[in-house]
Amino acid sequence: MQLNIPNFGDKEILNDALNSEKHLTSTYNTFANECANPQLRGALMQLLNDEHAIQFDVFTEMHNRGFYPTPMADQQKIDQAKQKFSCQNRG
């Protein structure tokens, strides 16, 4: 019996790792939000923070290799977003 195993390259492996980290941070965030025990919530918050750091490391590696390009934001759009969110915070 011969198995057809896909040949994953760095891009596919890193993309899978990034998607896994996004899923983990979402799950830990939900658990922490709904946790009534302060010690358990603290542990979940630490895990959440650790997973965000790992997610950023994977994203940075993908970006550096050209697997996840991020275009520069237009200054006008940045200014519009600042104005929009500063108005929301006031009232």
PDB file of N, CA and C in Angstrom:
ATOM      1  N   MET A   1       0.835  -1.173   0.000  1.00  0.00           N
ATOM      2  CA  MET A   1       0.000   0.000   0.000  1.00  0.00           C
ATOM      3  C   MET A   1       0.886   1.244   0.000  1.00  0.00           C
ATOM      4  N   GLN A   2       0.622   2.117  -0.936  1.00  0.00           N
ATOM      5  CA  GLN A   2       1.414   3.337  -1.049  1.00  0.00           C
ATOM      6  C   GLN A   2       0.560   4.530  -0.622  1.00  0.00           C
ATOM      7  N   LEU A   3       1.117   5.355   0.246  1.00  0.00           N
ATOM      8  CA  LEU A   3       0.409   6.551   0.709  1.00  0.00           C
ATOM      9  C   LEU A   3       0.817   7.748  -0.135  1.00  0.00           C
ATOM     10  N   ASN A   4      -0.138   8.529  -0.506  1.00  0.00           N
ATOM     11  CA  ASN A   4       0.150   9.787  -1.204  1.00  0.00           C
ATOM     12  C   ASN A   4       0.254  10.897  -0.170  1.00  0.00           C
ATOM     13  N   ILE A   5       1.447  11.194   0.250  1.00  0.00           N
ATOM     14  CA  ILE A   5       1.683  12.230   1.251  1.00  0.00           C
ATOM     15  C   ILE A   5       2.084  13.502   0.521  1.00  0.00           C
ATOM     16  N   PRO A   6       1.330  14.575   0.771  1.00  0.00           N
ATOM     17  CA  PRO A   6       1.683  15.824   0.091  1.00  0.00           C
ATOM     18  C   PRO A   6       3.061  16.320   0.519  1.00  0.00           C
ATOM     19  N   ASN A   7       3.738  16.958  -0.397  1.00  0.00           N
ATOM     20  CA  ASN A   7       5.052  17.520  -0.114  1.00  0.00           C
ATOM     21  C   ASN A   7       4.867  18.983   0.277  1.00  0.00           C
ATOM     22  N   PHE A   8       4.876  19.232   1.581  1.00  0.00           N
ATOM     23  CA  PHE A   8       4.685  20.586   2.074  1.00  0.00           C
ATOM     24  C   PHE A   8       6.013  21.323   2.118  1.00  0.00           C
ATOM     25  N   GLY A   9       6.004  22.537   1.600  1.00  0.00           N
ATOM     26  CA  GLY A   9       7.177  23.390   1.677  1.00  0.00           C
ATOM     27  C   GLY A   9       7.088  24.303   2.889  1.00  0.00           C
ATOM     28  N   ASP A  10       8.087  25.171   3.022  1.00  0.00           N
ATOM     29  CA  ASP A  10       8.116  26.103   4.147  1.00  0.00           C
ATOM     30  C   ASP A  10       6.864  26.978   4.197  1.00  0.00           C
ATOM     31  N   LYS A  11       6.417  27.437   3.044  1.00  0.00           N
ATOM     32  CA  LYS A  11       5.250  28.330   3.015  1.00  0.00           C
ATOM     33  C   LYS A  11       4.015  27.631   3.576  1.00  0.00           C
ATOM     34  N   GLU A  12       3.780  26.403   3.171  1.00  0.00           N
ATOM     35  CA  GLU A  12       2.601  25.676   3.648  1.00  0.00           C
ATOM     36  C   GLU A  12       2.701  25.350   5.136  1.00  0.00           C
ATOM     37  N   ILE A  13       3.892  24.987   5.576  1.00  0.00           N
ATOM     38  CA  ILE A  13       4.094  24.666   6.994  1.00  0.00           C
ATOM     39  C   ILE A  13       3.892  25.909   7.854  1.00  0.00           C
ATOM     40  N   LEU A  14       4.487  27.026   7.442  1.00  0.00           N
ATOM     41  CA  LEU A  14       4.330  28.267   8.205  1.00  0.00           C
ATOM     42  C   LEU A  14       2.886  28.759   8.177  1.00  0.00           C
ATOM     43  N   ASN A  15       2.222  28.618   7.059  1.00  0.00           N
ATOM     44  CA  ASN A  15       0.821  29.028   6.969  1.00  0.00           C
ATOM     45  C   ASN A  15      -0.043  28.191   7.911  1.00  0.00           C
ATOM     46  N   ASP A  16       0.228  26.891   7.972  1.00  0.00           N
ATOM     47  CA  ASP A  16      -0.500  26.022   8.892  1.00  0.00           C
ATOM     48  C   ASP A  16      -0.234  26.431  10.344  1.00  0.00           C
ATOM     49  N   ALA A  17       1.028  26.735  10.649  1.00  0.00           N
ATOM     50  CA  ALA A  17       1.382  27.167  12.008  1.00  0.00           C
ATOM     51  C   ALA A  17       0.687  28.477  12.352  1.00  0.00           C
ATOM     52  N   LEU A  18       0.648  29.412  11.405  1.00  0.00           N
ATOM     53  CA  LEU A  18      -0.018  30.695  11.654  1.00  0.00           C
ATOM     54  C   LEU A  18      -1.509  30.501  11.896  1.00  0.00           C
ATOM     55  N   ASN A  19      -2.145  29.684  11.077  1.00  0.00           N
ATOM     56  CA  ASN A  19      -3.573  29.427  11.268  1.00  0.00           C
ATOM     57  C   ASN A  19      -3.852  28.725  12.593  1.00  0.00           C
ATOM     58  N   SER A  20      -2.961  27.816  12.983  1.00  0.00           N
ATOM     59  CA  SER A  20      -3.112  27.139  14.274  1.00  0.00           C
ATOM     60  C   SER A  20      -3.002  28.135  15.423  1.00  0.00           C
ATOM     61  N   GLU A  21      -2.032  29.045  15.344  1.00  0.00           N
ATOM     62  CA  GLU A  21      -1.865  30.057  16.388  1.00  0.00           C
ATOM     63  C   GLU A  21      -3.081  30.979  16.463  1.00  0.00           C
ATOM     64  N   LYS A  22      -3.622  31.356  15.323  1.00  0.00           N
ATOM     65  CA  LYS A  22      -4.826  32.202  15.322  1.00  0.00           C
ATOM     66  C   LYS A  22      -5.984  31.487  16.001  1.00  0.00           C
ATOM     67  N   HIS A  23      -6.114  30.196  15.731  1.00  0.00           N
ATOM     68  CA  HIS A  23      -7.180  29.417  16.352  1.00  0.00           C
ATOM     69  C   HIS A  23      -6.956  29.318  17.865  1.00  0.00           C
ATOM     70  N   LEU A  24      -5.718  29.043  18.271  1.00  0.00           N
ATOM     71  CA  LEU A  24      -5.410  28.931  19.700  1.00  0.00           C
ATOM     72  C   LEU A  24      -5.673  30.235  20.448  1.00  0.00           C
ATOM     73  N   THR A  25      -5.246  31.368  19.869  1.00  0.00           N
ATOM     74  CA  THR A  25      -5.478  32.638  20.564  1.00  0.00           C
ATOM     75  C   THR A  25      -6.963  32.927  20.685  1.00  0.00           C
ATOM     76  N   SER A  26      -7.712  32.597  19.673  1.00  0.00           N
ATOM     77  CA  SER A  26      -9.165  32.799  19.741  1.00  0.00           C
ATOM     78  C   SER A  26      -9.790  31.927  20.837  1.00  0.00           C
ATOM     79  N   THR A  27      -9.350  30.679  20.912  1.00  0.00           N
ATOM     80  CA  THR A  27      -9.891  29.756  21.911  1.00  0.00           C
ATOM     81  C   THR A  27      -9.503  30.179  23.323  1.00  0.00           C
ATOM     82  N   TYR A  28      -8.228  30.478  23.552  1.00  0.00           N
ATOM     83  CA  TYR A  28      -7.801  30.920  24.877  1.00  0.00           C
ATOM     84  C   TYR A  28      -8.506  32.212  25.283  1.00  0.00           C
ATOM     85  N   ASN A  29      -8.724  33.105  24.341  1.00  0.00           N
ATOM     86  CA  ASN A  29      -9.418  34.346  24.642  1.00  0.00           C
ATOM     87  C   ASN A  29     -10.840  34.065  25.114  1.00  0.00           C
ATOM     88  N   THR A  30     -11.537  33.187  24.416  1.00  0.00           N
ATOM     89  CA  THR A  30     -12.905  32.832  24.817  1.00  0.00           C
ATOM     90  C   THR A  30     -12.915  32.201  26.201  1.00  0.00           C
ATOM     91  N   PHE A  31     -12.006  31.256  26.442  1.00  0.00           N
ATOM     92  CA  PHE A  31     -11.944  30.606  27.753  1.00  0.00           C
ATOM     93  C   PHE A  31     -11.646  31.615  28.857  1.00  0.00           C
ATOM     94  N   ALA A  32     -10.708  32.512  28.632  1.00  0.00           N
ATOM     95  CA  ALA A  32     -10.362  33.511  29.651  1.00  0.00           C
ATOM     96  C   ALA A  32     -11.534  34.443  29.923  1.00  0.00           C
ATOM     97  N   ASN A  33     -12.252  34.828  28.887  1.00  0.00           N
ATOM     98  CA  ASN A  33     -13.408  35.711  29.058  1.00  0.00           C
ATOM     99  C   ASN A  33     -14.502  35.068  29.896  1.00  0.00           C
ATOM    100  N   GLU A  34     -14.619  33.762  29.832  1.00  0.00           N
ATOM    101  CA  GLU A  34     -15.716  33.076  30.506  1.00  0.00           C
ATOM    102  C   GLU A  34     -15.281  32.348  31.765  1.00  0.00           C
ATOM    103  N   CYS A  35     -14.073  32.606  32.231  1.00  0.00           N
ATOM    104  CA  CYS A  35     -13.523  31.900  33.387  1.00  0.00           C
ATOM    105  C   CYS A  35     -13.870  32.638  34.680  1.00  0.00           C
ATOM    106  N   ALA A  36     -14.432  31.907  35.636  1.00  0.00           N
ATOM    107  CA  ALA A  36     -14.813  32.506  36.917  1.00  0.00           C
ATOM    108  C   ALA A  36     -13.715  32.378  37.976  1.00  0.00           C
ATOM    109  N   ASN A  37     -12.787  31.463  37.807  1.00  0.00           N
ATOM    110  CA  ASN A  37     -11.733  31.242  38.781  1.00  0.00           C
ATOM    111  C   ASN A  37     -10.546  32.151  38.476  1.00  0.00           C
ATOM    112  N   PRO A  38     -10.175  33.041  39.415  1.00  0.00           N
ATOM    113  CA  PRO A  38      -9.093  33.993  39.134  1.00  0.00           C
ATOM    114  C   PRO A  38      -7.744  33.345  38.807  1.00  0.00           C
ATOM    115  N   GLN A  39      -7.397  32.242  39.488  1.00  0.00           N
ATOM    116  CA  GLN A  39      -6.112  31.592  39.218  1.00  0.00           C
ATOM    117  C   GLN A  39      -6.111  30.948  37.832  1.00  0.00           C
ATOM    118  N   LEU A  40      -7.207  30.295  37.483  1.00  0.00           N
ATOM    119  CA  LEU A  40      -7.297  29.685  36.163  1.00  0.00           C
ATOM    120  C   LEU A  40      -7.315  30.758  35.084  1.00  0.00           C
ATOM    121  N   ARG A  41      -8.025  31.859  35.339  1.00  0.00           N
ATOM    122  CA  ARG A  41      -8.061  32.954  34.370  1.00  0.00           C
ATOM    123  C   ARG A  41      -6.653  33.522  34.160  1.00  0.00           C
ATOM    124  N   GLY A  42      -5.902  33.670  35.246  1.00  0.00           N
ATOM    125  CA  GLY A  42      -4.523  34.161  35.128  1.00  0.00           C
ATOM    126  C   GLY A  42      -3.656  33.237  34.289  1.00  0.00           C
ATOM    127  N   ALA A  43      -3.824  31.931  34.495  1.00  0.00           N
ATOM    128  CA  ALA A  43      -3.061  30.963  33.705  1.00  0.00           C
ATOM    129  C   ALA A  43      -3.457  31.046  32.231  1.00  0.00           C
ATOM    130  N   LEU A  44      -4.746  31.173  31.962  1.00  0.00           N
ATOM    131  CA  LEU A  44      -5.208  31.292  30.586  1.00  0.00           C
ATOM    132  C   LEU A  44      -4.704  32.578  29.939  1.00  0.00           C
ATOM    133  N   MET A  45      -4.685  33.662  30.697  1.00  0.00           N
ATOM    134  CA  MET A  45      -4.181  34.930  30.162  1.00  0.00           C
ATOM    135  C   MET A  45      -2.694  34.829  29.819  1.00  0.00           C
ATOM    136  N   GLN A  46      -1.928  34.100  30.642  1.00  0.00           N
ATOM    137  CA  GLN A  46      -0.507  33.904  30.343  1.00  0.00           C
ATOM    138  C   GLN A  46      -0.339  33.070  29.078  1.00  0.00           C
ATOM    139  N   LEU A  47      -1.144  32.013  28.964  1.00  0.00           N
ATOM    140  CA  LEU A  47      -1.101  31.199  27.742  1.00  0.00           C
ATOM    141  C   LEU A  47      -1.488  32.031  26.527  1.00  0.00           C
ATOM    142  N   LEU A  48      -2.507  32.856  26.674  1.00  0.00           N
ATOM    143  CA  LEU A  48      -2.944  33.717  25.576  1.00  0.00           C
ATOM    144  C   LEU A  48      -1.812  34.651  25.147  1.00  0.00           C
ATOM    145  N   ASN A  49      -1.151  35.253  26.119  1.00  0.00           N
ATOM    146  CA  ASN A  49      -0.034  36.140  25.818  1.00  0.00           C
ATOM    147  C   ASN A  49       1.099  35.387  25.122  1.00  0.00           C
ATOM    148  N   ASP A  50       1.414  34.202  25.615  1.00  0.00           N
ATOM    149  CA  ASP A  50       2.468  33.388  24.996  1.00  0.00           C
ATOM    150  C   ASP A  50       2.110  33.030  23.553  1.00  0.00           C
ATOM    151  N   GLU A  51       0.865  32.644  23.326  1.00  0.00           N
ATOM    152  CA  GLU A  51       0.439  32.262  21.973  1.00  0.00           C
ATOM    153  C   GLU A  51       0.459  33.461  21.022  1.00  0.00           C
ATOM    154  N   HIS A  52       0.102  34.645  21.530  1.00  0.00           N
ATOM    155  CA  HIS A  52       0.189  35.845  20.690  1.00  0.00           C
ATOM    156  C   HIS A  52       1.641  36.118  20.289  1.00  0.00           C
ATOM    157  N   ALA A  53       2.567  35.893  21.212  1.00  0.00           N
ATOM    158  CA  ALA A  53       3.983  36.096  20.897  1.00  0.00           C
ATOM    159  C   ALA A  53       4.445  35.103  19.831  1.00  0.00           C
ATOM    160  N   ILE A  54       4.030  33.851  19.967  1.00  0.00           N
ATOM    161  CA  ILE A  54       4.390  32.836  18.971  1.00  0.00           C
ATOM    162  C   ILE A  54       3.764  33.180  17.626  1.00  0.00           C
ATOM    163  N   GLN A  55       2.503  33.595  17.644  1.00  0.00           N
ATOM    164  CA  GLN A  55       1.810  33.967  16.400  1.00  0.00           C
ATOM    165  C   GLN A  55       2.567  35.092  15.698  1.00  0.00           C
ATOM    166  N   PHE A  56       3.025  36.073  16.460  1.00  0.00           N
ATOM    167  CA  PHE A  56       3.757  37.185  15.866  1.00  0.00           C
ATOM    168  C   PHE A  56       5.093  36.716  15.285  1.00  0.00           C
ATOM    169  N   ASP A  57       5.757  35.801  15.984  1.00  0.00           N
ATOM    170  CA  ASP A  57       7.018  35.252  15.461  1.00  0.00           C
ATOM    171  C   ASP A  57       6.803  34.529  14.132  1.00  0.00           C
ATOM    172  N   VAL A  58       5.744  33.735  14.048  1.00  0.00           N
ATOM    173  CA  VAL A  58       5.447  33.013  12.804  1.00  0.00           C
ATOM    174  C   VAL A  58       5.098  34.012  11.704  1.00  0.00           C
ATOM    175  N   PHE A  59       4.253  34.995  12.033  1.00  0.00           N
ATOM    176  CA  PHE A  59       3.888  36.022  11.055  1.00  0.00           C
ATOM    177  C   PHE A  59       5.141  36.748  10.552  1.00  0.00           C
ATOM    178  N   THR A  60       6.018  37.133  11.457  1.00  0.00           N
ATOM    179  CA  THR A  60       7.239  37.856  11.084  1.00  0.00           C
ATOM    180  C   THR A  60       8.103  37.017  10.157  1.00  0.00           C
ATOM    181  N   GLU A  61       8.240  35.734  10.470  1.00  0.00           N
ATOM    182  CA  GLU A  61       9.029  34.849   9.615  1.00  0.00           C
ATOM    183  C   GLU A  61       8.404  34.749   8.221  1.00  0.00           C
ATOM    184  N   MET A  62       7.090  34.621   8.165  1.00  0.00           N
ATOM    185  CA  MET A  62       6.407  34.558   6.865  1.00  0.00           C
ATOM    186  C   MET A  62       6.590  35.859   6.095  1.00  0.00           C
ATOM    187  N   HIS A  63       6.449  36.961   6.793  1.00  0.00           N
ATOM    188  CA  HIS A  63       6.608  38.268   6.161  1.00  0.00           C
ATOM    189  C   HIS A  63       8.028  38.447   5.624  1.00  0.00           C
ATOM    190  N   ASN A  64       9.014  38.077   6.439  1.00  0.00           N
ATOM    191  CA  ASN A  64      10.415  38.207   6.022  1.00  0.00           C
ATOM    192  C   ASN A  64      10.756  37.350   4.811  1.00  0.00           C
ATOM    193  N   ARG A  65      10.080  36.224   4.665  1.00  0.00           N
ATOM    194  CA  ARG A  65      10.321  35.332   3.529  1.00  0.00           C
ATOM    195  C   ARG A  65       9.468  35.687   2.309  1.00  0.00           C
ATOM    196  N   GLY A  66       8.610  36.708   2.460  1.00  0.00           N
ATOM    197  CA  GLY A  66       7.759  37.115   1.351  1.00  0.00           C
ATOM    198  C   GLY A  66       6.505  36.277   1.199  1.00  0.00           C
ATOM    199  N   PHE A  67       6.192  35.442   2.205  1.00  0.00           N
ATOM    200  CA  PHE A  67       5.003  34.595   2.151  1.00  0.00           C
ATOM    201  C   PHE A  67       3.749  35.334   2.602  1.00  0.00           C
ATOM    202  N   TYR A  68       3.903  36.461   3.297  1.00  0.00           N
ATOM    203  CA  TYR A  68       2.766  37.193   3.845  1.00  0.00           C
ATOM    204  C   TYR A  68       3.053  38.686   3.684  1.00  0.00           C
ATOM    205  N   PRO A  69       2.939  39.174   2.450  1.00  0.00           N
ATOM    206  CA  PRO A  69       3.255  40.590   2.222  1.00  0.00           C
ATOM    207  C   PRO A  69       2.198  41.501   2.863  1.00  0.00           C
ATOM    208  N   THR A  70       2.666  42.580   3.423  1.00  0.00           N
ATOM    209  CA  THR A  70       1.753  43.565   4.016  1.00  0.00           C
ATOM    210  C   THR A  70       2.087  44.933   3.424  1.00  0.00           C
ATOM    211  N   PRO A  71       1.185  45.442   2.593  1.00  0.00           N
ATOM    212  CA  PRO A  71       1.456  46.749   1.978  1.00  0.00           C
ATOM    213  C   PRO A  71       1.414  47.863   3.019  1.00  0.00           C
ATOM    214  N   MET A  72       2.153  48.903   2.747  1.00  0.00           N
ATOM    215  CA  MET A  72       2.141  50.072   3.623  1.00  0.00           C
ATOM    216  C   MET A  72       0.779  50.749   3.536  1.00  0.00           C
ATOM    217  N   ALA A  73       0.295  51.211   4.661  1.00  0.00           N
ATOM    218  CA  ALA A  73      -0.992  51.901   4.698  1.00  0.00           C
ATOM    219  C   ALA A  73      -0.835  53.330   4.198  1.00  0.00           C
ATOM    220  N   ASP A  74      -1.827  53.777   3.489  1.00  0.00           N
ATOM    221  CA  ASP A  74      -1.876  55.150   2.997  1.00  0.00           C
ATOM    222  C   ASP A  74      -2.067  56.092   4.193  1.00  0.00           C
ATOM    223  N   GLN A  75      -1.295  57.168   4.275  1.00  0.00           N
ATOM    224  CA  GLN A  75      -1.359  58.079   5.413  1.00  0.00           C
ATOM    225  C   GLN A  75      -2.764  58.656   5.602  1.00  0.00           C
ATOM    226  N   GLN A  76      -3.461  58.919   4.521  1.00  0.00           N
ATOM    227  CA  GLN A  76      -4.818  59.456   4.622  1.00  0.00           C
ATOM    228  C   GLN A  76      -5.744  58.443   5.307  1.00  0.00           C
ATOM    229  N   LYS A  77      -5.601  57.162   4.992  1.00  0.00           N
ATOM    230  CA  LYS A  77      -6.419  56.133   5.633  1.00  0.00           C
ATOM    231  C   LYS A  77      -6.069  55.988   7.111  1.00  0.00           C
ATOM    232  N   ILE A  78      -4.805  56.142   7.439  1.00  0.00           N
ATOM    233  CA  ILE A  78      -4.387  56.095   8.844  1.00  0.00           C
ATOM    234  C   ILE A  78      -5.030  57.246   9.610  1.00  0.00           C
ATOM    235  N   ASP A  79      -4.959  58.445   9.046  1.00  0.00           N
ATOM    236  CA  ASP A  79      -5.548  59.617   9.698  1.00  0.00           C
ATOM    237  C   ASP A  79      -7.061  59.465   9.867  1.00  0.00           C
ATOM    238  N   GLN A  80      -7.733  58.888   8.858  1.00  0.00           N
ATOM    239  CA  GLN A  80      -9.174  58.674   8.943  1.00  0.00           C
ATOM    240  C   GLN A  80      -9.515  57.673  10.049  1.00  0.00           C
ATOM    241  N   ALA A  81      -8.730  56.621  10.165  1.00  0.00           N
ATOM    242  CA  ALA A  81      -8.966  55.626  11.209  1.00  0.00           C
ATOM    243  C   ALA A  81      -8.743  56.230  12.594  1.00  0.00           C
ATOM    244  N   LYS A  82      -7.685  57.033  12.743  1.00  0.00           N
ATOM    245  CA  LYS A  82      -7.427  57.703  14.025  1.00  0.00           C
ATOM    246  C   LYS A  82      -8.605  58.582  14.412  1.00  0.00           C
ATOM    247  N   GLN A  83      -9.093  59.358  13.448  1.00  0.00           N
ATOM    248  CA  GLN A  83     -10.209  60.255  13.718  1.00  0.00           C
ATOM    249  C   GLN A  83     -11.465  59.466  14.080  1.00  0.00           C
ATOM    250  N   LYS A  84     -11.739  58.421  13.354  1.00  0.00           N
ATOM    251  CA  LYS A  84     -12.925  57.604  13.608  1.00  0.00           C
ATOM    252  C   LYS A  84     -12.899  57.028  15.016  1.00  0.00           C
ATOM    253  N   PHE A  85     -11.774  56.432  15.399  1.00  0.00           N
ATOM    254  CA  PHE A  85     -11.706  55.770  16.689  1.00  0.00           C
ATOM    255  C   PHE A  85     -11.525  56.750  17.844  1.00  0.00           C
ATOM    256  N   SER A  86     -10.955  57.924  17.598  1.00  0.00           N
ATOM    257  CA  SER A  86     -10.859  58.907  18.683  1.00  0.00           C
ATOM    258  C   SER A  86     -12.235  59.466  18.989  1.00  0.00           C
ATOM    259  N   CYS A  87     -13.088  59.590  17.992  1.00  0.00           N
ATOM    260  CA  CYS A  87     -14.465  60.038  18.211  1.00  0.00           C
ATOM    261  C   CYS A  87     -15.273  58.999  18.983  1.00  0.00           C
ATOM    262  N   GLN A  88     -15.049  57.734  18.714  1.00  0.00           N
ATOM    263  CA  GLN A  88     -15.771  56.666  19.399  1.00  0.00           C
ATOM    264  C   GLN A  88     -15.395  56.586  20.862  1.00  0.00           C
ATOM    265  N   ASN A  89     -14.147  56.874  21.171  1.00  0.00           N
ATOM    266  CA  ASN A  89     -13.678  56.803  22.556  1.00  0.00           C
ATOM    267  C   ASN A  89     -14.218  57.944  23.404  1.00  0.00           C
ATOM    268  N   ARG A  90     -14.631  59.026  22.783  1.00  0.00           N
ATOM    269  CA  ARG A  90     -15.124  60.181  23.519  1.00  0.00           C
ATOM    270  C   ARG A  90     -16.577  60.048  23.922  1.00  0.00           C
ATOM    271  N   GLY A  91     -17.305  59.279  23.184  1.00  0.00           N
ATOM    272  CA  GLY A  91     -18.681  59.339  23.533  1.00  0.00           C
ATOM    273  C   GLY A  91     -19.526  58.239  23.220  1.00  0.00           C
TER     274      GLY A  91
END
